[in-house]
Protein backbone atom coordinates (compact mmCIF):
# COMPACT_ATOMS: atom_id res chain seq x y z
CA MET A 1 -33.09 -51.77 -24.80
CA THR A 2 -29.53 -51.23 -24.40
CA PHE A 3 -27.89 -51.01 -21.00
CA ASP A 4 -26.44 -47.55 -20.44
CA VAL A 5 -24.01 -46.33 -17.76
CA PRO A 6 -24.65 -43.51 -18.18
CA SER A 7 -24.91 -43.77 -21.95
CA ILE A 8 -23.75 -46.81 -23.86
CA PRO A 9 -24.52 -46.38 -27.57
CA PRO A 10 -27.49 -48.57 -28.51
CA ALA A 11 -25.86 -49.98 -31.63
CA LEU A 12 -24.79 -53.60 -31.36
CA LYS A 13 -21.55 -53.02 -33.23
CA ILE A 14 -18.58 -51.53 -31.38
CA ALA A 15 -15.99 -49.54 -33.27
CA THR A 16 -12.92 -51.55 -34.15
CA ALA A 17 -10.74 -48.82 -32.77
CA LEU A 18 -12.35 -49.20 -29.35
CA MET A 19 -11.43 -52.86 -29.30
CA ALA A 20 -7.83 -52.43 -30.40
CA GLY A 21 -5.31 -53.06 -27.68
CA LEU A 22 -7.91 -54.03 -25.08
CA ALA A 23 -7.10 -57.73 -24.77
CA LEU A 24 -7.75 -58.88 -21.23
CA SER A 25 -6.71 -62.03 -19.47
CA LEU A 26 -9.25 -64.20 -17.72
CA PRO A 27 -10.04 -63.17 -14.14
CA ALA A 28 -7.98 -65.19 -11.71
CA THR A 29 -11.05 -66.44 -9.85
CA THR A 30 -12.68 -67.63 -13.06
CA MET A 31 -9.56 -69.34 -14.38
CA ALA A 32 -8.84 -70.95 -11.04
CA ALA A 33 -12.35 -72.35 -10.80
CA ALA A 34 -12.19 -73.59 -14.38
CA LYS A 35 -8.86 -75.31 -13.85
CA LYS A 36 -10.19 -76.94 -10.70
CA LYS A 37 -12.93 -78.53 -12.78
CA GLY A 38 -10.59 -79.32 -15.66
CA THR A 39 -12.47 -77.13 -18.11
CA ALA A 40 -9.90 -74.41 -18.84
CA PRO A 41 -8.35 -74.61 -22.31
CA ALA A 42 -5.14 -72.82 -23.16
CA ALA A 43 -5.71 -69.11 -23.67
CA ALA A 44 -4.70 -69.37 -27.31
CA GLU A 45 -7.33 -72.02 -27.97
CA ALA A 46 -10.72 -70.64 -26.94
CA PRO A 47 -10.61 -68.35 -23.90
CA ASP A 48 -14.25 -67.37 -24.26
CA LEU A 49 -15.36 -70.99 -23.93
CA VAL A 50 -14.20 -71.29 -20.32
CA THR A 51 -17.24 -72.31 -18.30
CA TYR A 52 -17.86 -71.09 -14.77
CA GLY A 53 -18.53 -74.56 -13.43
CA GLN A 54 -19.17 -74.91 -9.71
CA ARG A 55 -17.62 -71.58 -8.69
CA ASP A 56 -18.58 -70.93 -5.09
CA ASP A 57 -20.07 -67.44 -5.44
CA LEU A 58 -22.08 -68.48 -8.49
CA MET A 59 -23.45 -71.59 -6.79
CA ARG A 60 -24.46 -69.55 -3.72
CA PHE A 61 -26.28 -67.20 -6.07
CA ALA A 62 -27.99 -70.16 -7.77
CA ASP A 63 -29.25 -71.45 -4.43
CA GLU A 64 -30.47 -67.99 -3.37
CA VAL A 65 -32.39 -67.51 -6.63
CA ALA A 66 -33.96 -70.95 -6.30
CA ALA A 67 -35.01 -70.26 -2.70
CA ARG A 68 -36.46 -66.83 -3.51
CA HIS A 69 -38.61 -68.05 -6.36
CA GLY A 70 -39.33 -71.68 -5.59
CA LEU A 71 -37.18 -72.99 -8.43
CA ASP A 72 -35.42 -76.32 -8.51
CA PRO A 73 -31.94 -75.62 -7.10
CA ALA A 74 -30.48 -78.39 -9.22
CA TRP A 75 -31.77 -76.58 -12.31
CA THR A 76 -30.40 -73.18 -11.31
CA ARG A 77 -27.03 -74.71 -10.38
CA ASP A 78 -26.75 -76.71 -13.57
CA THR A 79 -27.81 -73.74 -15.72
CA LEU A 80 -25.33 -71.30 -14.20
CA ALA A 81 -22.52 -73.84 -14.14
CA ARG A 82 -22.77 -74.00 -17.93
CA ALA A 83 -22.42 -70.22 -18.32
CA ARG A 84 -19.19 -69.06 -19.95
CA PHE A 85 -16.90 -66.15 -19.24
CA VAL A 86 -16.71 -64.03 -22.42
CA PRO A 87 -13.74 -61.64 -22.70
CA GLN A 88 -15.41 -59.66 -25.50
CA VAL A 89 -18.24 -58.73 -23.15
CA VAL A 90 -15.73 -57.29 -20.70
CA ARG A 91 -14.11 -55.26 -23.46
CA TYR A 92 -17.36 -53.93 -24.87
CA ILE A 93 -18.75 -52.74 -21.54
CA MET A 94 -15.77 -50.45 -20.96
CA PRO A 95 -16.22 -46.71 -21.68
CA PRO A 96 -14.53 -45.08 -24.68
CA PRO A 97 -10.99 -43.80 -24.18
CA ALA A 98 -10.69 -40.68 -22.04
CA GLY A 99 -10.88 -37.50 -24.08
CA THR A 100 -13.11 -38.95 -26.80
CA ALA A 101 -15.25 -36.02 -27.97
CA LYS A 102 -18.99 -36.43 -28.43
CA ASN A 103 -20.22 -35.63 -31.92
CA TRP A 104 -23.95 -35.46 -32.62
CA ALA A 105 -23.54 -35.20 -36.40
CA LEU A 106 -21.38 -38.33 -36.49
CA TYR A 107 -23.66 -40.18 -34.06
CA ARG A 108 -26.73 -39.28 -36.13
CA SER A 109 -25.13 -40.53 -39.33
CA ARG A 110 -24.85 -44.03 -37.85
CA PHE A 111 -28.61 -44.32 -37.54
CA VAL A 112 -30.34 -41.93 -39.93
CA GLU A 113 -29.01 -43.55 -43.08
CA PRO A 114 -30.49 -45.27 -46.16
CA LEU A 115 -30.23 -48.86 -44.91
CA ARG A 116 -32.28 -48.21 -41.78
CA VAL A 117 -34.73 -45.95 -43.56
CA ARG A 118 -35.48 -48.62 -46.18
CA ALA A 119 -35.72 -51.34 -43.54
CA GLY A 120 -37.92 -49.09 -41.44
CA SER A 121 -40.30 -48.49 -44.32
CA ALA A 122 -40.65 -52.24 -44.88
CA PHE A 123 -41.17 -52.83 -41.13
CA TRP A 124 -43.83 -50.12 -40.97
CA LYS A 125 -45.65 -51.54 -44.00
CA ALA A 126 -45.58 -55.10 -42.63
CA ASN A 127 -46.78 -54.03 -39.16
CA GLU A 128 -49.05 -51.08 -39.89
CA ALA A 129 -52.01 -52.58 -38.05
CA TRP A 130 -49.97 -53.28 -34.90
CA LEU A 131 -48.41 -49.80 -34.97
CA ARG A 132 -51.86 -48.25 -35.29
CA LEU A 133 -53.18 -50.35 -32.40
CA ALA A 134 -50.20 -49.38 -30.23
CA GLU A 135 -50.93 -45.72 -30.85
CA GLU A 136 -54.61 -46.21 -30.00
CA ARG A 137 -53.82 -48.07 -26.80
CA TYR A 138 -50.75 -46.20 -25.51
CA GLY A 139 -50.72 -42.91 -27.41
CA VAL A 140 -47.25 -43.44 -28.88
CA PRO A 141 -47.09 -42.59 -32.62
CA PRO A 142 -45.75 -45.20 -35.08
CA GLU A 143 -42.67 -43.18 -36.03
CA VAL A 144 -41.37 -43.22 -32.44
CA VAL A 145 -41.77 -46.99 -32.10
CA VAL A 146 -40.24 -47.49 -35.56
CA GLY A 147 -37.34 -45.21 -34.63
CA ILE A 148 -36.57 -47.18 -31.46
CA VAL A 149 -36.67 -50.59 -33.13
CA GLY A 150 -34.51 -49.25 -35.96
CA VAL A 151 -31.85 -47.78 -33.72
CA GLU A 152 -31.82 -50.79 -31.43
CA SER A 153 -31.66 -53.68 -33.89
CA ILE A 154 -32.22 -52.47 -37.48
CA TYR A 155 -35.64 -54.12 -37.27
CA GLY A 156 -34.30 -57.46 -36.11
CA GLN A 157 -31.25 -57.62 -38.38
CA GLN A 158 -28.80 -57.09 -35.50
CA MET A 159 -30.14 -58.42 -32.21
CA GLY A 160 -26.78 -59.59 -30.86
CA ASN A 161 -24.98 -62.90 -31.03
CA PHE A 162 -23.94 -63.39 -27.41
CA ARG A 163 -25.61 -66.02 -25.29
CA VAL A 164 -27.63 -63.95 -22.83
CA LEU A 165 -26.71 -66.30 -20.00
CA ASP A 166 -23.00 -65.82 -20.71
CA ALA A 167 -23.19 -62.03 -21.01
CA LEU A 168 -25.13 -61.53 -17.79
CA THR A 169 -23.02 -64.00 -15.81
CA THR A 170 -19.78 -62.42 -17.04
CA LEU A 171 -20.93 -58.92 -16.06
CA GLY A 172 -22.58 -60.07 -12.85
CA PHE A 173 -19.61 -62.00 -11.51
CA ASP A 174 -16.55 -60.59 -13.29
CA PHE A 175 -17.43 -56.96 -13.96
CA PRO A 176 -14.22 -55.20 -15.03
CA VAL A 177 -12.34 -52.68 -12.97
CA GLY A 178 -11.90 -49.24 -14.48
CA ARG A 179 -15.49 -48.07 -14.37
CA LYS A 180 -18.32 -47.87 -11.84
CA ASP A 181 -19.10 -51.37 -10.60
CA ARG A 182 -22.51 -52.49 -11.89
CA SER A 183 -22.18 -56.16 -11.00
CA ALA A 184 -25.23 -55.97 -8.69
CA PHE A 185 -27.33 -54.65 -11.57
CA PHE A 186 -26.29 -57.50 -13.82
CA ARG A 187 -26.84 -60.11 -11.12
CA ASP A 188 -30.39 -58.82 -10.80
CA GLU A 189 -30.78 -59.07 -14.57
CA LEU A 190 -29.38 -62.60 -14.50
CA GLU A 191 -31.96 -63.54 -11.89
CA SER A 192 -34.69 -61.99 -14.06
CA TYR A 193 -33.39 -63.91 -17.06
CA LEU A 194 -33.61 -67.24 -15.26
CA LEU A 195 -37.21 -66.48 -14.30
CA LEU A 196 -37.96 -65.43 -17.88
CA ALA A 197 -36.53 -68.65 -19.27
CA ARG A 198 -38.66 -70.70 -16.88
CA ARG A 199 -41.81 -68.70 -17.55
CA GLU A 200 -41.50 -68.83 -21.33
CA GLY A 201 -40.19 -72.41 -21.46
CA VAL A 202 -36.96 -71.34 -23.18
CA GLU A 203 -33.66 -73.19 -22.89
CA PRO A 204 -31.51 -70.63 -21.01
CA LEU A 205 -28.41 -71.32 -23.10
CA ALA A 206 -30.24 -70.86 -26.39
CA MET A 207 -31.30 -67.22 -26.26
CA LYS A 208 -28.95 -64.70 -27.91
CA GLY A 209 -28.70 -60.98 -27.27
CA SER A 210 -26.36 -58.02 -26.96
CA TYR A 211 -23.09 -57.91 -25.04
CA ALA A 212 -25.04 -56.43 -22.11
CA GLY A 213 -27.77 -59.09 -22.20
CA ALA A 214 -30.43 -57.07 -24.03
CA ILE A 215 -32.93 -59.16 -25.97
CA GLY A 216 -34.89 -59.03 -29.20
CA LEU A 217 -36.00 -56.39 -31.69
CA PRO A 218 -36.37 -53.69 -29.02
CA GLN A 219 -33.34 -54.85 -26.97
CA PHE A 220 -35.12 -55.13 -23.63
CA MET A 221 -33.19 -56.19 -20.57
CA PRO A 222 -34.78 -59.23 -18.85
CA SER A 223 -36.25 -57.20 -15.99
CA SER A 224 -37.86 -54.84 -18.52
CA ILE A 225 -39.49 -57.79 -20.26
CA HIS A 226 -41.04 -58.76 -16.91
CA ARG A 227 -42.21 -55.22 -16.15
CA TYR A 228 -43.13 -53.80 -19.54
CA GLY A 229 -43.30 -56.64 -22.06
CA VAL A 230 -46.79 -57.34 -23.41
CA ASP A 231 -48.32 -60.22 -25.31
CA PHE A 232 -49.69 -57.81 -27.89
CA ASP A 233 -51.08 -60.40 -30.31
CA GLY A 234 -52.63 -62.55 -27.56
CA ASP A 235 -50.87 -65.80 -28.47
CA GLY A 236 -50.12 -66.60 -24.84
CA ARG A 237 -46.45 -65.63 -24.68
CA ILE A 238 -44.19 -62.60 -24.90
CA ASP A 239 -41.75 -63.06 -27.77
CA LEU A 240 -39.54 -60.05 -28.52
CA GLN A 241 -37.17 -61.94 -30.80
CA THR A 242 -39.44 -63.09 -33.61
CA ASN A 243 -42.81 -61.45 -32.91
CA SER A 244 -43.01 -57.88 -34.23
CA ALA A 245 -46.42 -57.34 -32.65
CA ASP A 246 -45.10 -58.06 -29.15
CA ALA A 247 -42.06 -55.86 -29.77
CA ILE A 248 -44.22 -52.94 -30.95
CA GLY A 249 -46.67 -53.24 -28.07
CA SER A 250 -43.88 -53.58 -25.51
CA VAL A 251 -42.03 -50.48 -26.73
CA ALA A 252 -45.19 -48.38 -26.69
CA HIS A 253 -46.16 -49.72 -23.25
CA TYR A 254 -42.68 -48.92 -21.91
CA LEU A 255 -42.86 -45.30 -23.07
CA ALA A 256 -46.38 -44.91 -21.71
CA GLN A 257 -45.21 -46.17 -18.33
CA PHE A 258 -42.50 -43.51 -18.35
CA GLY A 259 -44.86 -40.63 -18.90
CA TRP A 260 -45.45 -40.40 -22.65
CA GLN A 261 -48.16 -37.81 -23.34
CA PRO A 262 -50.23 -38.36 -26.51
CA GLY A 263 -50.11 -35.47 -28.95
CA LEU A 264 -47.20 -33.68 -27.30
CA PRO A 265 -44.17 -32.95 -29.53
CA THR A 266 -40.87 -34.40 -28.41
CA HIS A 267 -38.92 -31.16 -28.80
CA PHE A 268 -38.83 -27.67 -30.26
CA PRO A 269 -36.09 -25.65 -31.94
CA VAL A 270 -34.35 -23.22 -29.64
CA ALA A 271 -31.62 -20.62 -29.72
CA ALA A 272 -29.63 -21.07 -26.52
CA PRO A 273 -28.89 -18.04 -24.34
CA VAL A 274 -25.81 -16.10 -25.34
CA ASP A 275 -24.96 -15.34 -21.73
CA SER A 276 -22.96 -18.24 -20.32
CA SER A 277 -24.50 -18.05 -16.83
CA ASP A 278 -28.05 -18.12 -18.21
CA ARG A 279 -27.14 -20.99 -20.49
CA ALA A 280 -25.54 -22.89 -17.62
CA ALA A 281 -28.64 -22.38 -15.47
CA LEU A 282 -30.89 -23.92 -18.12
CA LEU A 283 -28.44 -26.77 -18.72
CA GLY A 284 -28.11 -27.50 -15.01
CA PRO A 285 -30.88 -30.14 -14.76
CA ASP A 286 -29.46 -31.82 -17.88
CA ILE A 287 -32.35 -33.38 -19.85
CA VAL A 288 -34.98 -33.14 -17.11
CA PRO A 289 -37.75 -30.72 -18.22
CA LEU A 290 -38.07 -28.28 -15.33
CA PHE A 291 -38.46 -24.84 -16.94
CA SER A 292 -41.55 -23.17 -18.37
CA PRO A 293 -41.28 -21.49 -21.79
CA GLN A 294 -41.47 -18.16 -19.97
CA GLU A 295 -38.47 -19.11 -17.82
CA PHE A 296 -36.62 -20.02 -21.00
CA THR A 297 -37.21 -16.56 -22.46
CA GLU A 298 -36.36 -14.86 -19.18
CA ARG A 299 -32.97 -16.58 -19.39
CA GLY A 300 -32.41 -15.31 -22.92
CA ALA A 301 -33.39 -18.43 -24.89
CA ARG A 302 -35.45 -17.91 -28.05
CA LEU A 303 -38.37 -20.24 -28.80
CA ASP A 304 -40.89 -20.39 -31.64
CA ASP A 305 -44.58 -19.68 -31.15
CA ALA A 306 -45.50 -23.37 -30.75
CA ALA A 307 -43.03 -23.79 -27.90
CA LEU A 308 -44.12 -20.57 -26.24
CA ALA A 309 -47.70 -21.85 -26.17
CA LEU A 310 -46.71 -25.09 -24.43
CA PRO A 311 -48.40 -25.46 -21.03
CA GLY A 312 -45.78 -27.88 -19.77
CA LYS A 313 -42.08 -27.79 -18.96
CA LEU A 314 -38.99 -27.84 -21.16
CA ALA A 315 -35.33 -28.83 -20.86
CA LEU A 316 -32.47 -27.21 -22.73
CA VAL A 317 -30.70 -30.14 -24.36
CA GLU A 318 -27.14 -29.66 -25.60
CA LEU A 319 -25.61 -31.99 -28.18
CA GLN A 320 -21.90 -31.53 -28.77
CA ASN A 321 -20.46 -31.62 -32.28
CA GLY A 322 -16.79 -32.26 -31.67
CA ASP A 323 -14.82 -29.11 -32.43
CA ALA A 324 -17.85 -27.41 -33.99
CA ALA A 325 -20.51 -25.45 -32.12
CA PRO A 326 -23.01 -27.58 -30.18
CA SER A 327 -26.61 -28.09 -31.26
CA TYR A 328 -29.55 -27.35 -28.97
CA VAL A 329 -33.18 -28.42 -28.74
CA ALA A 330 -35.87 -27.71 -26.17
CA GLY A 331 -36.98 -31.15 -24.99
CA THR A 332 -40.45 -31.89 -23.63
CA THR A 333 -41.52 -34.63 -21.25
CA ASN A 334 -41.87 -36.91 -24.28
CA PHE A 335 -38.22 -36.34 -25.17
CA TYR A 336 -37.40 -37.23 -21.58
CA ALA A 337 -39.55 -40.39 -21.81
CA ILE A 338 -37.44 -41.63 -24.73
CA THR A 339 -34.28 -41.07 -22.69
CA ARG A 340 -35.66 -43.49 -20.10
CA TYR A 341 -35.22 -46.17 -22.77
CA ASN A 342 -31.56 -45.24 -23.10
CA TRP A 343 -30.25 -42.46 -20.87
CA SER A 344 -28.80 -40.32 -23.64
CA SER A 345 -30.07 -37.22 -25.41
CA TYR A 346 -28.08 -38.28 -28.49
CA TYR A 347 -29.96 -41.58 -28.51
CA ALA A 348 -33.34 -39.90 -28.10
CA LEU A 349 -32.82 -37.46 -30.95
CA ALA A 350 -31.47 -40.22 -33.22
CA VAL A 351 -34.63 -42.26 -32.52
CA ILE A 352 -36.84 -39.25 -33.30
CA GLU A 353 -35.04 -38.30 -36.50
CA LEU A 354 -34.84 -41.87 -37.81
CA GLY A 355 -38.59 -42.29 -37.23
CA GLN A 356 -39.28 -39.02 -39.01
CA ALA A 357 -37.06 -40.04 -41.93
CA VAL A 358 -38.93 -43.34 -42.29
CA LYS A 359 -42.27 -41.52 -42.13
CA ARG A 360 -41.17 -39.14 -44.90
CA ALA A 361 -39.92 -42.05 -47.01
CA ARG A 362 -43.38 -43.64 -46.84
């Protein structure tokens, strides 16, 4: 899954315009440490090949991780010393320029498009038995799992080309200024990644992922692989990069752990209240479903009969469309569960609509 603070788009590609003019120099601490070890090339040569080497804070971290988990400190030190600072990672983690308008229609068009629909149909056909088993075991329908894998990686076509070790070390030890500091989060993920590499017998420098360190077809962060990854085909290991069965089972397990309710729709159509104060009251909790259908109608929202019969709670979800009027849906707890994968209502609805498009195409 893709790291989101609070909502980084799940696509692996970043718009060229976002990258323009964002060249950054190497952090002074990184460059100084690299020069001390004689590993720093000229900036014009290969700035993203500068290794961290024996940088003090990184080596202290290596020793702490080894002590906490009974690992060989020489291994943790040697592994982290070979990590590289990657300037592109620093650029990609930055938020879009201030004033950039959200646009649901444009966002949707990136994901609900012919390439992904065709690839999704092929993925569904090749993995129908695993998708059916995931629904039986976790209650998550195939189209939701297919939608997530399609949005995250186009069914394995775009899983990221950054060394996971490099991405997590860069963000854990040289997180850029200009946005909320999440270096502690990425250090925790780096620790989880080292444990994952040891557990699965993987060379830590070999695994590739997104700029934020997300891995495999479903783009799980390392800690999520530990918590929610499943060996769905029973071959003795969890492989989210090449094993579709494990990816499908892990996605369904993740959603089930975050409250997915079998048989419950993800959302209903809704006409938002005309009165601005009523609309603001329903939008207050954001995407958290806290209002009954009756409370929706009392606030002036209009729901269809299916939504009115719902025994559970709803959230009024607003999706902006640039200069055009916003779109609204009434999200259920299942809509909210999808947002726990990526904390964005735009992401959740794109997943749902891509999955539905693939289902129709079949």
